[in-house]
PDB file of N, CA and C in Angstrom:
ATOM      1  N   UNK A   1      62.717  95.998  66.131  1.00  0.00           N
ATOM      2  CA  UNK A   1      64.013  95.630  65.602  1.00  0.00           C
ATOM      3  C   UNK A   1      64.472  96.700  64.618  1.00  0.00           C
ATOM      4  N   UNK A   2      65.747  97.005  64.687  1.00  0.00           N
ATOM      5  CA  UNK A   2      66.354  97.950  63.749  1.00  0.00           C
ATOM      6  C   UNK A   2      67.011  97.167  62.610  1.00  0.00           C
ATOM      7  N   UNK A   3      66.810  97.608  61.383  1.00  0.00           N
ATOM      8  CA  UNK A   3      67.450  97.005  60.211  1.00  0.00           C
ATOM      9  C   UNK A   3      68.047  98.124  59.367  1.00  0.00           C
ATOM     10  N   UNK A   4      69.267  97.905  58.910  1.00  0.00           N
ATOM     11  CA  UNK A   4      69.912  98.845  57.994  1.00  0.00           C
ATOM     12  C   UNK A   4      70.149  98.121  56.693  1.00  0.00           C
ATOM     13  N   UNK A   5      69.731  98.743  55.595  1.00  0.00           N
ATOM     14  CA  UNK A   5      69.939  98.178  54.264  1.00  0.00           C
ATOM     15  C   UNK A   5      70.847  99.114  53.477  1.00  0.00           C
ATOM     16  N   UNK A   6      71.905  98.527  52.906  1.00  0.00           N
ATOM     17  CA  UNK A   6      72.756  99.265  51.975  1.00  0.00           C
ATOM     18  C   UNK A   6      72.133  99.008  50.614  1.00  0.00           C
ATOM     19  N   UNK A   7      71.511 100.039  50.098  1.00  0.00           N
ATOM     20  CA  UNK A   7      70.504  99.946  49.044  1.00  0.00           C
ATOM     21  C   UNK A   7      70.925 100.686  47.782  1.00  0.00           C
ATOM     22  N   UNK A   8      70.540 100.093  46.644  1.00  0.00           N
ATOM     23  CA  UNK A   8      70.654 100.769  45.355  1.00  0.00           C
ATOM     24  C   UNK A   8      69.241 100.762  44.763  1.00  0.00           C
ATOM     25  N   UNK A   9      68.601 101.939  44.693  1.00  0.00           N
ATOM     26  CA  UNK A   9      67.217 101.971  44.222  1.00  0.00           C
ATOM     27  C   UNK A   9      67.045 101.534  42.769  1.00  0.00           C
ATOM     28  N   UNK A  10      68.120 101.442  42.004  1.00  0.00           N
ATOM     29  CA  UNK A  10      68.025 100.980  40.614  1.00  0.00           C
ATOM     30  C   UNK A  10      68.056  99.458  40.510  1.00  0.00           C
ATOM     31  N   UNK A  11      68.324  98.771  41.620  1.00  0.00           N
ATOM     32  CA  UNK A  11      68.447  97.309  41.636  1.00  0.00           C
ATOM     33  C   UNK A  11      67.129  96.676  42.079  1.00  0.00           C
ATOM     34  N   UNK A  12      66.576  95.808  41.259  1.00  0.00           N
ATOM     35  CA  UNK A  12      65.312  95.145  41.576  1.00  0.00           C
ATOM     36  C   UNK A  12      65.392  94.307  42.843  1.00  0.00           C
ATOM     37  N   UNK A  13      66.476  93.571  43.025  1.00  0.00           N
ATOM     38  CA  UNK A  13      66.619  92.749  44.228  1.00  0.00           C
ATOM     39  C   UNK A  13      66.680  93.625  45.469  1.00  0.00           C
ATOM     40  N   UNK A  14      67.374  94.742  45.361  1.00  0.00           N
ATOM     41  CA  UNK A  14      67.468  95.672  46.482  1.00  0.00           C
ATOM     42  C   UNK A  14      66.088  96.262  46.806  1.00  0.00           C
ATOM     43  N   UNK A  15      65.348  96.639  45.786  1.00  0.00           N
ATOM     44  CA  UNK A  15      63.998  97.179  46.010  1.00  0.00           C
ATOM     45  C   UNK A  15      63.084  96.143  46.647  1.00  0.00           C
ATOM     46  N   UNK A  16      63.169  94.892  46.206  1.00  0.00           N
ATOM     47  CA  UNK A  16      62.326  93.825  46.770  1.00  0.00           C
ATOM     48  C   UNK A  16      62.704  93.543  48.221  1.00  0.00           C
ATOM     49  N   UNK A  17      63.992  93.578  48.514  1.00  0.00           N
ATOM     50  CA  UNK A  17      64.438  93.368  49.892  1.00  0.00           C
ATOM     51  C   UNK A  17      63.931  94.488  50.787  1.00  0.00           C
ATOM     52  N   UNK A  18      64.037  95.721  50.313  1.00  0.00           N
ATOM     53  CA  UNK A  18      63.535  96.861  51.070  1.00  0.00           C
ATOM     54  C   UNK A  18      62.034  96.722  51.317  1.00  0.00           C
ATOM     55  N   UNK A  19      61.298  96.266  50.328  1.00  0.00           N
ATOM     56  CA  UNK A  19      59.847  96.083  50.497  1.00  0.00           C
ATOM     57  C   UNK A  19      59.548  95.059  51.591  1.00  0.00           C
ATOM     58  N   UNK A  20      60.314  93.969  51.638  1.00  0.00           N
ATOM     59  CA  UNK A  20      60.128  92.966  52.696  1.00  0.00           C
ATOM     60  C   UNK A  20      60.349  93.604  54.060  1.00  0.00           C
ATOM     61  N   UNK A  21      61.405  94.396  54.175  1.00  0.00           N
ATOM     62  CA  UNK A  21      61.713  95.053  55.449  1.00  0.00           C
ATOM     63  C   UNK A  21      60.611  96.027  55.846  1.00  0.00           C
ATOM     64  N   UNK A  22      60.141  96.827  54.894  1.00  0.00           N
ATOM     65  CA  UNK A  22      59.134  97.847  55.194  1.00  0.00           C
ATOM     66  C   UNK A  22      57.773  97.240  55.535  1.00  0.00           C
ATOM     67  N   UNK A  23      57.486  96.059  54.990  1.00  0.00           N
ATOM     68  CA  UNK A  23      56.204  95.410  55.252  1.00  0.00           C
ATOM     69  C   UNK A  23      56.180  94.646  56.571  1.00  0.00           C
ATOM     70  N   UNK A  24      57.346  94.419  57.158  1.00  0.00           N
ATOM     71  CA  UNK A  24      57.434  93.627  58.393  1.00  0.00           C
ATOM     72  C   UNK A  24      57.113  94.490  59.600  1.00  0.00           C
ATOM     73  N   UNK A  25      56.114  94.071  60.378  1.00  0.00           N
ATOM     74  CA  UNK A  25      55.762  94.790  61.604  1.00  0.00           C
ATOM     75  C   UNK A  25      56.939  94.759  62.575  1.00  0.00           C
ATOM     76  N   UNK A  26      57.149  95.884  63.243  1.00  0.00           N
ATOM     77  CA  UNK A  26      58.170  95.956  64.275  1.00  0.00           C
ATOM     78  C   UNK A  26      59.582  96.167  63.779  1.00  0.00           C
ATOM     79  N   UNK A  27      59.744  96.393  62.480  1.00  0.00           N
ATOM     80  CA  UNK A  27      61.085  96.627  61.927  1.00  0.00           C
ATOM     81  C   UNK A  27      61.216  98.097  61.560  1.00  0.00           C
ATOM     82  N   UNK A  28      62.184  98.759  62.163  1.00  0.00           N
ATOM     83  CA  UNK A  28      62.517 100.139  61.819  1.00  0.00           C
ATOM     84  C   UNK A  28      63.672 100.087  60.836  1.00  0.00           C
ATOM     85  N   UNK A  29      63.457 100.624  59.647  1.00  0.00           N
ATOM     86  CA  UNK A  29      64.434 100.493  58.577  1.00  0.00           C
ATOM     87  C   UNK A  29      65.215 101.788  58.372  1.00  0.00           C
ATOM     88  N   UNK A  30      66.516 101.658  58.320  1.00  0.00           N
ATOM     89  CA  UNK A  30      67.393 102.744  57.907  1.00  0.00           C
ATOM     90  C   UNK A  30      67.909 102.382  56.526  1.00  0.00           C
ATOM     91  N   UNK A  31      67.688 103.268  55.575  1.00  0.00           N
ATOM     92  CA  UNK A  31      68.111 103.035  54.203  1.00  0.00           C
ATOM     93  C   UNK A  31      69.351 103.881  53.921  1.00  0.00           C
ATOM     94  N   UNK A  32      70.413 103.213  53.507  1.00  0.00           N
ATOM     95  CA  UNK A  32      71.642 103.898  53.134  1.00  0.00           C
ATOM     96  C   UNK A  32      71.866 103.645  51.645  1.00  0.00           C
ATOM     97  N   UNK A  33      71.754 104.687  50.848  1.00  0.00           N
ATOM     98  CA  UNK A  33      72.063 104.549  49.425  1.00  0.00           C
ATOM     99  C   UNK A  33      73.578 104.567  49.301  1.00  0.00           C
ATOM    100  N   UNK A  34      74.150 103.370  49.276  1.00  0.00           N
ATOM    101  CA  UNK A  34      75.592 103.224  49.413  1.00  0.00           C
ATOM    102  C   UNK A  34      76.401 103.828  48.269  1.00  0.00           C
ATOM    103  N   UNK A  35      75.782 104.067  47.133  1.00  0.00           N
ATOM    104  CA  UNK A  35      76.510 104.741  46.057  1.00  0.00           C
ATOM    105  C   UNK A  35      76.679 106.231  46.357  1.00  0.00           C
ATOM    106  N   UNK A  36      75.762 106.788  47.154  1.00  0.00           N
ATOM    107  CA  UNK A  36      75.841 108.196  47.564  1.00  0.00           C
ATOM    108  C   UNK A  36      76.547 108.348  48.908  1.00  0.00           C
ATOM    109  N   UNK A  37      76.366 107.372  49.800  1.00  0.00           N
ATOM    110  CA  UNK A  37      76.957 107.387  51.138  1.00  0.00           C
ATOM    111  C   UNK A  37      77.677 106.057  51.351  1.00  0.00           C
ATOM    112  N   UNK A  38      78.841 105.889  50.750  1.00  0.00           N
ATOM    113  CA  UNK A  38      79.506 104.584  50.841  1.00  0.00           C
ATOM    114  C   UNK A  38      79.981 104.261  52.259  1.00  0.00           C
ATOM    115  N   UNK A  39      79.905 102.985  52.619  1.00  0.00           N
ATOM    116  CA  UNK A  39      80.440 102.580  53.911  1.00  0.00           C
ATOM    117  C   UNK A  39      81.964 102.698  53.906  1.00  0.00           C
ATOM    118  N   UNK A  40      82.523 102.885  55.072  1.00  0.00           N
ATOM    119  CA  UNK A  40      83.974 102.935  55.185  1.00  0.00           C
ATOM    120  C   UNK A  40      84.548 101.537  54.995  1.00  0.00           C
ATOM    121  N   UNK A  41      85.838 101.491  54.786  1.00  0.00           N
ATOM    122  CA  UNK A  41      86.522 100.203  54.684  1.00  0.00           C
ATOM    123  C   UNK A  41      86.309  99.387  55.955  1.00  0.00           C
ATOM    124  N   UNK A  42      86.401 100.049  57.107  1.00  0.00           N
ATOM    125  CA  UNK A  42      86.208  99.348  58.383  1.00  0.00           C
ATOM    126  C   UNK A  42      84.789  98.796  58.507  1.00  0.00           C
ATOM    127  N   UNK A  43      83.797  99.566  58.078  1.00  0.00           N
ATOM    128  CA  UNK A  43      82.405  99.104  58.143  1.00  0.00           C
ATOM    129  C   UNK A  43      82.202  97.927  57.206  1.00  0.00           C
ATOM    130  N   UNK A  44      82.764  98.010  56.010  1.00  0.00           N
ATOM    131  CA  UNK A  44      82.656  96.892  55.073  1.00  0.00           C
ATOM    132  C   UNK A  44      83.274  95.628  55.665  1.00  0.00           C
ATOM    133  N   UNK A  45      84.457  95.766  56.256  1.00  0.00           N
ATOM    134  CA  UNK A  45      85.120  94.612  56.860  1.00  0.00           C
ATOM    135  C   UNK A  45      84.234  94.005  57.944  1.00  0.00           C
ATOM    136  N   UNK A  46      83.620  94.847  58.769  1.00  0.00           N
ATOM    137  CA  UNK A  46      82.736  94.363  59.833  1.00  0.00           C
ATOM    138  C   UNK A  46      81.506  93.667  59.256  1.00  0.00           C
ATOM    139  N   UNK A  47      80.907  94.252  58.222  1.00  0.00           N
ATOM    140  CA  UNK A  47      79.724  93.646  57.612  1.00  0.00           C
ATOM    141  C   UNK A  47      80.036  92.257  57.064  1.00  0.00           C
ATOM    142  N   UNK A  48      81.133  92.145  56.319  1.00  0.00           N
ATOM    143  CA  UNK A  48      81.471  90.844  55.733  1.00  0.00           C
ATOM    144  C   UNK A  48      81.846  89.829  56.805  1.00  0.00           C
ATOM    145  N   UNK A  49      82.573  90.270  57.819  1.00  0.00           N
ATOM    146  CA  UNK A  49      82.938  89.355  58.905  1.00  0.00           C
ATOM    147  C   UNK A  49      81.689  88.842  59.617  1.00  0.00           C
ATOM    148  N   UNK A  50      80.765  89.756  59.935  1.00  0.00           N
ATOM    149  CA  UNK A  50      79.529  89.363  60.612  1.00  0.00           C
ATOM    150  C   UNK A  50      78.695  88.433  59.736  1.00  0.00           C
ATOM    151  N   UNK A  51      78.729  88.659  58.438  1.00  0.00           N
ATOM    152  CA  UNK A  51      77.974  87.815  57.503  1.00  0.00           C
ATOM    153  C   UNK A  51      78.655  86.470  57.257  1.00  0.00           C
ATOM    154  N   UNK A  52      79.913  86.328  57.720  1.00  0.00           N
ATOM    155  CA  UNK A  52      80.642  85.081  57.469  1.00  0.00           C
ATOM    156  C   UNK A  52      81.105  84.962  56.035  1.00  0.00           C
ATOM    157  N   UNK A  53      81.374  86.114  55.425  1.00  0.00           N
ATOM    158  CA  UNK A  53      81.785  86.165  54.019  1.00  0.00           C
ATOM    159  C   UNK A  53      83.173  86.791  53.911  1.00  0.00           C
ATOM    160  N   UNK A  54      83.851  86.470  52.837  1.00  0.00           N
ATOM    161  CA  UNK A  54      85.071  87.189  52.519  1.00  0.00           C
ATOM    162  C   UNK A  54      84.682  88.422  51.706  1.00  0.00           C
ATOM    163  N   UNK A  55      85.511  89.447  51.700  1.00  0.00           N
ATOM    164  CA  UNK A  55      85.215  90.591  50.836  1.00  0.00           C
ATOM    165  C   UNK A  55      85.047  90.183  49.363  1.00  0.00           C
ATOM    166  N   UNK A  56      85.845  89.228  48.902  1.00  0.00           N
ATOM    167  CA  UNK A  56      85.714  88.781  47.506  1.00  0.00           C
ATOM    168  C   UNK A  56      84.338  88.185  47.238  1.00  0.00           C
ATOM    169  N   UNK A  57      83.734  87.542  48.243  1.00  0.00           N
ATOM    170  CA  UNK A  57      82.386  86.980  48.075  1.00  0.00           C
ATOM    171  C   UNK A  57      81.333  88.081  48.017  1.00  0.00           C
ATOM    172  N   UNK A  58      81.650  89.262  48.506  1.00  0.00           N
ATOM    173  CA  UNK A  58      80.734  90.397  48.465  1.00  0.00           C
ATOM    174  C   UNK A  58      81.011  91.347  47.323  1.00  0.00           C
ATOM    175  N   UNK A  59      81.858  90.926  46.417  1.00  0.00           N
ATOM    176  CA  UNK A  59      82.269  91.750  45.285  1.00  0.00           C
ATOM    177  C   UNK A  59      81.255  91.653  44.152  1.00  0.00           C
ATOM    178  N   UNK A  60      80.861  92.793  43.633  1.00  0.00           N
ATOM    179  CA  UNK A  60      79.948  92.806  42.488  1.00  0.00           C
ATOM    180  C   UNK A  60      80.763  92.660  41.217  1.00  0.00           C
ATOM    181  N   UNK A  61      80.475  91.630  40.447  1.00  0.00           N
ATOM    182  CA  UNK A  61      81.196  91.386  39.199  1.00  0.00           C
ATOM    183  C   UNK A  61      80.436  91.946  38.001  1.00  0.00           C
ATOM    184  N   UNK A  62      79.131  91.717  38.006  1.00  0.00           N
ATOM    185  CA  UNK A  62      78.306  92.143  36.868  1.00  0.00           C
ATOM    186  C   UNK A  62      78.297  93.669  36.768  1.00  0.00           C
ATOM    187  N   UNK A  63      78.610  94.168  35.572  1.00  0.00           N
ATOM    188  CA  UNK A  63      78.562  95.608  35.346  1.00  0.00           C
ATOM    189  C   UNK A  63      79.731  96.374  35.924  1.00  0.00           C
ATOM    190  N   UNK A  64      80.781  95.666  36.332  1.00  0.00           N
ATOM    191  CA  UNK A  64      81.963  96.329  36.869  1.00  0.00           C
ATOM    192  C   UNK A  64      83.211  95.801  36.160  1.00  0.00           C
ATOM    193  N   UNK A  65      84.340  96.415  36.465  1.00  0.00           N
ATOM    194  CA  UNK A  65      85.607  95.950  35.907  1.00  0.00           C
ATOM    195  C   UNK A  65      86.392  95.110  36.920  1.00  0.00           C
ATOM    196  N   UNK A  66      85.694  94.573  37.904  1.00  0.00           N
ATOM    197  CA  UNK A  66      86.350  93.821  38.981  1.00  0.00           C
ATOM    198  C   UNK A  66      87.186  92.662  38.458  1.00  0.00           C
ATOM    199  N   UNK A  67      86.659  91.924  37.507  1.00  0.00           N
ATOM    200  CA  UNK A  67      87.410  90.777  36.971  1.00  0.00           C
ATOM    201  C   UNK A  67      88.630  91.243  36.196  1.00  0.00           C
ATOM    202  N   UNK A  68      88.485  92.277  35.393  1.00  0.00           N
ATOM    203  CA  UNK A  68      89.625  92.801  34.639  1.00  0.00           C
ATOM    204  C   UNK A  68      90.747  93.256  35.564  1.00  0.00           C
ATOM    205  N   UNK A  69      90.375  93.724  36.746  1.00  0.00           N
ATOM    206  CA  UNK A  69      91.356  94.211  37.718  1.00  0.00           C
ATOM    207  C   UNK A  69      91.903  93.104  38.617  1.00  0.00           C
ATOM    208  N   UNK A  70      91.404  91.879  38.432  1.00  0.00           N
ATOM    209  CA  UNK A  70      91.890  90.755  39.230  1.00  0.00           C
ATOM    210  C   UNK A  70      91.373  90.741  40.658  1.00  0.00           C
ATOM    211  N   UNK A  71      90.308  91.493  40.927  1.00  0.00           N
ATOM    212  CA  UNK A  71      89.809  91.601  42.298  1.00  0.00           C
ATOM    213  C   UNK A  71      89.239  90.299  42.868  1.00  0.00           C
ATOM    214  N   UNK A  72      88.612  89.433  42.062  1.00  0.00           N
ATOM    215  CA  UNK A  72      88.099  88.188  42.655  1.00  0.00           C
ATOM    216  C   UNK A  72      89.192  87.323  43.295  1.00  0.00           C
ATOM    217  N   UNK A  73      90.422  87.471  42.824  1.00  0.00           N
ATOM    218  CA  UNK A  73      91.527  86.672  43.363  1.00  0.00           C
ATOM    219  C   UNK A  73      92.445  87.488  44.264  1.00  0.00           C
ATOM    220  N   UNK A  74      92.100  88.742  44.523  1.00  0.00           N
ATOM    221  CA  UNK A  74      92.944  89.618  45.339  1.00  0.00           C
ATOM    222  C   UNK A  74      92.745  89.343  46.823  1.00  0.00           C
ATOM    223  N   UNK A  75      93.675  89.808  47.633  1.00  0.00           N
ATOM    224  CA  UNK A  75      93.544  89.651  49.083  1.00  0.00           C
ATOM    225  C   UNK A  75      92.444  90.577  49.603  1.00  0.00           C
ATOM    226  N   UNK A  76      92.003  90.294  50.822  1.00  0.00           N
ATOM    227  CA  UNK A  76      90.868  91.013  51.417  1.00  0.00           C
ATOM    228  C   UNK A  76      91.113  92.515  51.492  1.00  0.00           C
ATOM    229  N   UNK A  77      92.307  92.925  51.873  1.00  0.00           N
ATOM    230  CA  UNK A  77      92.607  94.354  52.000  1.00  0.00           C
ATOM    231  C   UNK A  77      92.474  95.066  50.663  1.00  0.00           C
ATOM    232  N   UNK A  78      92.950  94.444  49.606  1.00  0.00           N
ATOM    233  CA  UNK A  78      92.866  95.041  48.269  1.00  0.00           C
ATOM    234  C   UNK A  78      91.411  95.189  47.842  1.00  0.00           C
ATOM    235  N   UNK A  79      90.616  94.160  48.090  1.00  0.00           N
ATOM    236  CA  UNK A  79      89.191  94.202  47.724  1.00  0.00           C
ATOM    237  C   UNK A  79      88.470  95.280  48.527  1.00  0.00           C
ATOM    238  N   UNK A  80      88.733  95.331  49.826  1.00  0.00           N
ATOM    239  CA  UNK A  80      88.087  96.342  50.665  1.00  0.00           C
ATOM    240  C   UNK A  80      88.493  97.754  50.245  1.00  0.00           C
ATOM    241  N   UNK A  81      89.762  97.960  49.936  1.00  0.00           N
ATOM    242  CA  UNK A  81      90.223  99.271  49.457  1.00  0.00           C
ATOM    243  C   UNK A  81      89.483  99.665  48.178  1.00  0.00           C
ATOM    244  N   UNK A  82      89.343  98.712  47.257  1.00  0.00           N
ATOM    245  CA  UNK A  82      88.663  98.991  45.991  1.00  0.00           C
ATOM    246  C   UNK A  82      87.191  99.323  46.224  1.00  0.00           C
ATOM    247  N   UNK A  83      86.523  98.566  47.096  1.00  0.00           N
ATOM    248  CA  UNK A  83      85.109  98.811  47.393  1.00  0.00           C
ATOM    249  C   UNK A  83      84.907 100.166  48.059  1.00  0.00           C
ATOM    250  N   UNK A  84      85.799 100.518  48.984  1.00  0.00           N
ATOM    251  CA  UNK A  84      85.673 101.800  49.670  1.00  0.00           C
ATOM    252  C   UNK A  84      85.873 102.958  48.700  1.00  0.00           C
ATOM    253  N   UNK A  85      86.758 102.770  47.733  1.00  0.00           N
ATOM    254  CA  UNK A  85      87.034 103.821  46.755  1.00  0.00           C
ATOM    255  C   UNK A  85      85.957 103.886  45.670  1.00  0.00           C
ATOM    256  N   UNK A  86      85.406 102.731  45.319  1.00  0.00           N
ATOM    257  CA  UNK A  86      84.414 102.639  44.239  1.00  0.00           C
ATOM    258  C   UNK A  86      83.260 101.748  44.708  1.00  0.00           C
ATOM    259  N   UNK A  87      82.274 102.323  45.380  1.00  0.00           N
ATOM    260  CA  UNK A  87      81.209 101.512  45.974  1.00  0.00           C
ATOM    261  C   UNK A  87      80.374 100.715  44.972  1.00  0.00           C
ATOM    262  N   UNK A  88      80.484 101.013  43.682  1.00  0.00           N
ATOM    263  CA  UNK A  88      79.781 100.202  42.681  1.00  0.00           C
ATOM    264  C   UNK A  88      80.259  98.752  42.739  1.00  0.00           C
ATOM    265  N   UNK A  89      81.430  98.516  43.333  1.00  0.00           N
ATOM    266  CA  UNK A  89      81.984  97.173  43.446  1.00  0.00           C
ATOM    267  C   UNK A  89      81.359  96.360  44.579  1.00  0.00           C
ATOM    268  N   UNK A  90      80.526  96.993  45.405  1.00  0.00           N
ATOM    269  CA  UNK A  90      79.879  96.296  46.519  1.00  0.00           C
ATOM    270  C   UNK A  90      78.607  95.627  46.009  1.00  0.00           C
ATOM    271  N   UNK A  91      78.514  94.324  46.211  1.00  0.00           N
ATOM    272  CA  UNK A  91      77.282  93.644  45.820  1.00  0.00           C
ATOM    273  C   UNK A  91      76.184  94.028  46.806  1.00  0.00           C
ATOM    274  N   UNK A  92      74.963  94.023  46.344  1.00  0.00           N
ATOM    275  CA  UNK A  92      73.855  94.499  47.159  1.00  0.00           C
ATOM    276  C   UNK A  92      72.651  93.600  46.980  1.00  0.00           C
ATOM    277  N   UNK A  93      71.758  93.752  47.928  1.00  0.00           N
ATOM    278  CA  UNK A  93      71.764  94.608  49.106  1.00  0.00           C
ATOM    279  C   UNK A  93      72.332  93.877  50.322  1.00  0.00           C
ATOM    280  N   UNK A  94      73.092  94.581  51.095  1.00  0.00           N
ATOM    281  CA  UNK A  94      73.522  94.090  52.400  1.00  0.00           C
ATOM    282  C   UNK A  94      72.529  94.601  53.431  1.00  0.00           C
ATOM    283  N   UNK A  95      72.117  93.723  54.334  1.00  0.00           N
ATOM    284  CA  UNK A  95      71.191  94.105  55.400  1.00  0.00           C
ATOM    285  C   UNK A  95      71.798  93.676  56.728  1.00  0.00           C
ATOM    286  N   UNK A  96      71.750  94.602  57.701  1.00  0.00           N
ATOM    287  CA  UNK A  96      72.266  94.332  59.036  1.00  0.00           C
ATOM    288  C   UNK A  96      71.148  94.520  60.060  1.00  0.00           C
ATOM    289  N   UNK A  97      70.964  93.529  60.920  1.00  0.00           N
ATOM    290  CA  UNK A  97      70.065  93.628  62.071  1.00  0.00           C
ATOM    291  C   UNK A  97      70.839  93.131  63.285  1.00  0.00           C
ATOM    292  N   UNK A  98      70.203  93.143  64.448  1.00  0.00           N
ATOM    293  CA  UNK A  98      70.877  92.619  65.632  1.00  0.00           C
ATOM    294  C   UNK A  98      71.057  91.106  65.564  1.00  0.00           C
ATOM    295  N   UNK A  99      70.442  90.469  64.580  1.00  0.00           N
ATOM    296  CA  UNK A  99      70.594  89.019  64.398  1.00  0.00           C
ATOM    297  C   UNK A  99      71.675  88.666  63.386  1.00  0.00           C
ATOM    298  N   UNK A 100      72.284  89.670  62.736  1.00  0.00           N
ATOM    299  CA  UNK A 100      73.355  89.376  61.795  1.00  0.00           C
ATOM    300  C   UNK A 100      73.323  90.244  60.562  1.00  0.00           C
ATOM    301  N   UNK A 101      74.119  89.842  59.588  1.00  0.00           N
ATOM    302  CA  UNK A 101      74.228  90.532  58.305  1.00  0.00           C
ATOM    303  C   UNK A 101      74.073  89.498  57.209  1.00  0.00           C
ATOM    304  N   UNK A 102      73.367  89.873  56.165  1.00  0.00           N
ATOM    305  CA  UNK A 102      73.226  88.995  55.001  1.00  0.00           C
ATOM    306  C   UNK A 102      73.339  89.817  53.722  1.00  0.00           C
ATOM    307  N   UNK A 103      73.951  89.198  52.718  1.00  0.00           N
ATOM    308  CA  UNK A 103      73.869  89.694  51.350  1.00  0.00           C
ATOM    309  C   UNK A 103      72.598  89.051  50.805  1.00  0.00           C
ATOM    310  N   UNK A 104      71.589  89.847  50.576  1.00  0.00           N
ATOM    311  CA  UNK A 104      70.241  89.346  50.294  1.00  0.00           C
ATOM    312  C   UNK A 104      70.019  89.114  48.806  1.00  0.00           C
ATOM    313  N   UNK A 105      70.729  88.138  48.285  1.00  0.00           N
ATOM    314  CA  UNK A 105      70.571  87.680  46.921  1.00  0.00           C
ATOM    315  C   UNK A 105      70.328  86.179  46.981  1.00  0.00           C
ATOM    316  N   UNK A 106      69.147  85.705  46.833  1.00  0.00           N
ATOM    317  CA  UNK A 106      67.906  86.400  46.540  1.00  0.00           C
ATOM    318  C   UNK A 106      67.359  87.125  47.770  1.00  0.00           C
ATOM    319  N   UNK A 107      66.371  87.946  47.542  1.00  0.00           N
ATOM    320  CA  UNK A 107      65.848  88.819  48.597  1.00  0.00           C
ATOM    321  C   UNK A 107      65.290  88.067  49.795  1.00  0.00           C
ATOM    322  N   UNK A 108      64.832  86.848  49.607  1.00  0.00           N
ATOM    323  CA  UNK A 108      64.249  86.087  50.708  1.00  0.00           C
ATOM    324  C   UNK A 108      65.252  85.787  51.818  1.00  0.00           C
ATOM    325  N   UNK A 109      66.531  85.875  51.522  1.00  0.00           N
ATOM    326  CA  UNK A 109      67.569  85.601  52.523  1.00  0.00           C
ATOM    327  C   UNK A 109      67.428  86.564  53.717  1.00  0.00           C
ATOM    328  N   UNK A 110      66.836  87.711  53.494  1.00  0.00           N
ATOM    329  CA  UNK A 110      66.666  88.670  54.600  1.00  0.00           C
ATOM    330  C   UNK A 110      65.871  88.060  55.743  1.00  0.00           C
ATOM    331  N   UNK A 111      65.003  87.112  55.452  1.00  0.00           N
ATOM    332  CA  UNK A 111      64.186  86.471  56.489  1.00  0.00           C
ATOM    333  C   UNK A 111      65.053  85.812  57.570  1.00  0.00           C
ATOM    334  N   UNK A 112      66.266  85.394  57.225  1.00  0.00           N
ATOM    335  CA  UNK A 112      67.166  84.723  58.170  1.00  0.00           C
ATOM    336  C   UNK A 112      67.557  85.628  59.338  1.00  0.00           C
ATOM    337  N   UNK A 113      67.490  86.949  59.144  1.00  0.00           N
ATOM    338  CA  UNK A 113      67.944  87.860  60.186  1.00  0.00           C
ATOM    339  C   UNK A 113      66.822  88.751  60.708  1.00  0.00           C
ATOM    340  N   UNK A 114      65.591  88.375  60.448  1.00  0.00           N
ATOM    341  CA  UNK A 114      64.441  89.121  60.962  1.00  0.00           C
ATOM    342  C   UNK A 114      63.784  88.373  62.112  1.00  0.00           C
TER     343      UNK A 114
END
C-alpha cells in the first residue's frame, strides 16, 4: 500500500503518525514536508473532499492568524486560497492512501485508512 503524509517534522502528532506508517509492514510512505513543498489549491480541495471535510475543518488555528483573518467563517475558496499561499494554515498531518484521506489528529486515526 502507498501512503502519502503531508508532514511537519516539528509537530509531535505528525512525527507519531509518520512512525505508525513506517512501522506498518507493506506500507510504502511518501513524506511531503508541506511547509517546503506545499500542495496546490486543487490538491488541497481533493484531499478535503476525499476526507469528507470542509477546508475550514482542515484549517490550523493554533499558532496562526486564521481567526484574526476570519478564515474559520470564510467560504471554501477563500480558505483554500489562503492555505495554498500560506501552508502554515494547513492542519496536519494529512495522510492519503487508496482507502481515503484523514487528518490524523490524534495520530491513531491513520489506522482507519491502512
